[in-house]
Structure formats: structure tokens, C-alpha cells
Amino acid sequence: MRWLAGILLGLILAVSRVHGDASARSVPAVNDAGLSPQPAPAGYVFDITVRNEKQLDILLSRAESLQGQFSPDQFGRIALVLHGDELRLFQKSNYPKFKNLVERARLLDASRLVDIKACQTVMRQLDIDQSELPEFIEQVPLAPEEIQRLEQEKGYTRL
């Protein structure tokens, strides 16, 4: 579980290092060579596989902690590409048991802070039908290809 917390802590630190304090953004920064820095990336992508609801809870808590500190309009969204057993937690048949987690994920997605994606290849391996996941979760054919597409075509930074 500590690895998951470490990953998301790394996200917070990486975002703050890349973008700095909001109060410092009004003056364009200049690097040691006297050049303006590169424009902010289109967003960030995380390759996510968690084993249980506790790990998913930690992941969502870390993402929620970014609200108010991270502006998706200014810095892009955070794509969470899910491709493991955590997909079962989002199945409509499991909604009564995991309602809190699903609703938290829905609110994060609605706030445009995160964009949650599910790997259809893993869904088939887990015998999860496409209709069994909530509509706010975008389904993609294959997680590694989606991560690569976000990096290459959309300019996302993989963390």
C-alpha cells in the first residue's frame, strides 16, 4: 500500500515542481539559459493497478487532496488508466457495496480533475461486460496503448 501512496505523493510533488506556486505564475519564469520554460504538458497519465478497495480509497484520497491545488484548466487533466482487479469495484452489481468509492470517483471525474479510463482487454479477462461499468468511466481497448497515445498524441506526461 505504501507504494501507491508514494506514487500519488510523487504526483503532487511533480506537479508542484513543474508548475510552482500559483502566486509565482504571474511573472514568467526564466531558466539558467535565460529562456522561458516549455509550456505545461497537456496532462498527466497514471498506469493504475490496485488490488483492493483500500488501495483504491488511498488513490482517490490522494486525487481529492489535489483539488484546489491543481487546476485542470491550467495544467491539464490527470488520466487514471485502470487495468486490474480494481475494475470489479466499479461493476454495477457491486455498486451497493462500493457506492462511496464509485461516487467519489464520479465526483473527481465530474470536477474535470481526473479522467478515469478502463482497459477493455482486462475487462474481458475479468469477465466484466462493457455495460457493467458506470458511464463516466471511459473504456479503452488496451491500457498500454492508451497510455502511449496520451503521451504521443496528446502530450501527456507519464508519472
Protein backbone atom coordinates (compact mmCIF):
# COMPACT_ATOMS: atom_id res chain seq x y z
CA MET A 1 0.00 0.00 0.00
CA ARG A 2 2.88 2.37 0.67
CA TRP A 3 3.89 2.16 -2.98
CA LEU A 4 0.52 3.54 -4.02
CA ALA A 5 0.73 6.39 -1.55
CA GLY A 6 4.26 7.05 -2.77
CA ILE A 7 3.12 7.22 -6.38
CA LEU A 8 0.44 9.78 -5.64
CA LEU A 9 2.71 11.76 -3.34
CA GLY A 10 5.12 11.79 -6.26
CA LEU A 11 2.33 13.20 -8.44
CA ILE A 12 1.72 16.04 -6.03
CA LEU A 13 5.43 16.82 -5.83
CA ALA A 14 5.93 16.55 -9.59
CA VAL A 15 3.03 18.85 -10.33
CA SER A 16 4.21 21.39 -7.80
CA ARG A 17 7.78 21.25 -9.16
CA VAL A 18 6.63 21.60 -12.76
CA HIS A 19 4.18 24.40 -12.08
CA GLY A 20 5.40 26.00 -8.89
CA ASP A 21 3.41 28.17 -6.51
CA ALA A 22 0.31 29.79 -8.01
CA SER A 23 1.44 33.21 -6.78
CA ALA A 24 4.64 32.91 -8.80
CA ARG A 25 2.83 32.29 -12.08
CA SER A 26 2.07 35.94 -12.77
CA VAL A 27 5.73 36.59 -13.65
CA PRO A 28 7.15 34.43 -16.44
CA ALA A 29 9.96 32.25 -15.12
CA VAL A 30 13.32 32.17 -16.86
CA ASN A 31 15.74 29.25 -16.69
CA ASP A 32 19.54 29.45 -16.29
CA ALA A 33 19.98 29.92 -20.05
CA GLY A 34 17.69 32.96 -19.99
CA LEU A 35 14.93 31.16 -21.88
CA SER A 36 11.29 30.87 -20.91
CA PRO A 37 10.31 27.35 -19.81
CA GLN A 38 8.43 24.94 -22.05
CA PRO A 39 4.62 25.17 -21.93
CA ALA A 40 2.89 22.99 -19.37
CA PRO A 41 2.05 19.46 -20.52
CA ALA A 42 -1.49 18.69 -21.66
CA GLY A 43 -1.97 16.49 -18.62
CA TYR A 44 -0.60 13.59 -16.65
CA VAL A 45 -1.24 9.87 -17.04
CA PHE A 46 -1.00 7.19 -14.37
CA ASP A 47 -0.85 3.48 -15.11
CA ILE A 48 -3.01 2.11 -12.25
CA THR A 49 -3.45 -1.41 -10.95
CA VAL A 50 -4.64 -1.78 -7.37
CA ARG A 51 -5.64 -4.97 -5.61
CA ASN A 52 -8.45 -3.97 -3.30
CA GLU A 53 -10.85 -1.28 -2.13
CA LYS A 54 -8.40 0.05 0.46
CA GLN A 55 -5.81 0.80 -2.20
CA LEU A 56 -8.43 2.42 -4.40
CA ASP A 57 -9.55 4.51 -1.43
CA ILE A 58 -5.97 5.74 -0.98
CA LEU A 59 -5.71 6.56 -4.69
CA LEU A 60 -8.95 8.56 -4.62
CA SER A 61 -7.94 10.34 -1.40
CA ARG A 62 -4.68 11.46 -2.99
CA ALA A 63 -6.51 12.72 -6.06
CA GLU A 64 -9.02 14.55 -3.85
CA SER A 65 -6.15 16.20 -1.99
CA LEU A 66 -5.16 17.88 -5.27
CA GLN A 67 -8.49 19.70 -5.52
CA GLY A 68 -7.89 23.39 -5.01
CA GLN A 69 -4.13 22.94 -5.54
CA PHE A 70 -4.21 21.74 -9.14
CA SER A 71 -6.21 23.43 -11.87
CA PRO A 72 -7.10 21.08 -14.73
CA ASP A 73 -7.89 24.12 -16.90
CA GLN A 74 -4.37 25.42 -16.45
CA PHE A 75 -2.36 22.20 -16.20
CA GLY A 76 -4.48 19.56 -17.92
CA ARG A 77 -6.30 16.59 -16.50
CA ILE A 78 -4.93 13.57 -14.71
CA ALA A 79 -5.74 10.36 -16.58
CA LEU A 80 -6.03 7.29 -14.38
CA VAL A 81 -5.84 4.23 -16.62
CA LEU A 82 -7.22 1.25 -14.69
CA HIS A 83 -6.34 -2.27 -15.77
CA GLY A 84 -6.58 -4.62 -12.84
CA ASP A 85 -8.88 -6.12 -10.23
CA GLU A 86 -9.99 -2.62 -9.21
CA LEU A 87 -12.33 -2.70 -12.21
CA ARG A 88 -14.55 -5.13 -10.27
CA LEU A 89 -15.14 -2.42 -7.67
CA PHE A 90 -16.86 -0.32 -10.34
CA GLN A 91 -19.21 -3.04 -11.60
CA LYS A 92 -22.84 -2.01 -11.31
CA SER A 93 -23.59 -5.26 -9.44
CA ASN A 94 -21.08 -4.18 -6.76
CA TYR A 95 -22.40 -0.61 -6.52
CA PRO A 96 -24.25 -1.11 -3.19
CA LYS A 97 -21.07 -2.40 -1.55
CA PHE A 98 -18.67 0.16 -3.08
CA LYS A 99 -21.04 3.10 -3.56
CA ASN A 100 -18.78 5.50 -1.64
CA LEU A 101 -15.76 4.74 -3.83
CA VAL A 102 -17.73 4.90 -7.08
CA GLU A 103 -19.36 8.21 -6.16
CA ARG A 104 -16.03 9.73 -5.10
CA ALA A 105 -14.55 8.68 -8.45
CA ARG A 106 -17.60 10.12 -10.24
CA LEU A 107 -17.18 13.47 -8.46
CA LEU A 108 -13.48 13.63 -9.33
CA ASP A 109 -14.32 12.93 -12.95
CA ALA A 110 -17.15 15.49 -12.94
CA SER A 111 -14.80 18.11 -11.48
CA ARG A 112 -12.57 17.51 -14.52
CA LEU A 113 -9.65 16.85 -12.18
CA VAL A 114 -9.27 13.25 -13.28
CA ASP A 115 -10.29 11.25 -16.31
CA ILE A 116 -10.84 7.60 -15.39
CA LYS A 117 -10.29 5.01 -18.09
CA ALA A 118 -10.78 1.23 -18.07
CA CYS A 119 -8.93 -1.34 -20.16
CA GLN A 120 -11.41 -3.45 -22.14
CA THR A 121 -8.84 -6.23 -22.57
CA VAL A 122 -8.63 -6.70 -18.80
CA MET A 123 -12.40 -6.32 -18.54
CA ARG A 124 -12.77 -9.34 -20.84
CA GLN A 125 -10.22 -11.29 -18.79
CA LEU A 126 -12.21 -10.49 -15.63
CA ASP A 127 -15.50 -11.30 -17.41
CA ILE A 128 -16.80 -7.74 -16.99
CA ASP A 129 -19.24 -6.69 -19.69
CA GLN A 130 -18.90 -3.16 -21.10
CA SER A 131 -22.38 -2.31 -19.81
CA GLU A 132 -21.36 -3.15 -16.25
CA LEU A 133 -19.20 -0.07 -15.65
CA PRO A 134 -20.56 3.42 -14.94
CA GLU A 135 -20.78 5.75 -17.93
CA PHE A 136 -18.29 8.24 -16.50
CA ILE A 137 -15.51 5.65 -16.94
CA GLU A 138 -14.16 5.79 -20.48
CA GLN A 139 -13.40 2.37 -21.85
CA VAL A 140 -10.27 1.96 -23.97
CA PRO A 141 -9.18 -1.12 -25.96
CA LEU A 142 -5.79 -1.66 -24.27
CA ALA A 143 -4.24 0.23 -21.34
CA PRO A 144 -0.62 0.37 -22.59
CA GLU A 145 -1.75 1.67 -25.98
CA GLU A 146 -3.94 4.34 -24.36
CA ILE A 147 -1.07 5.48 -22.16
CA GLN A 148 1.21 5.67 -25.19
CA ARG A 149 -1.46 7.54 -27.19
CA LEU A 150 -1.92 10.10 -24.42
CA GLU A 151 1.82 10.66 -24.27
CA GLN A 152 2.49 10.82 -28.00
CA GLU A 153 -0.68 12.36 -29.43
CA LYS A 154 -1.94 14.49 -26.55
CA GLY A 155 1.35 15.48 -24.89
CA TYR A 156 0.58 13.92 -21.50
CA THR A 157 3.41 13.28 -19.05
CA ARG A 158 3.56 9.77 -17.62
CA LEU A 159 4.06 9.66 -13.88
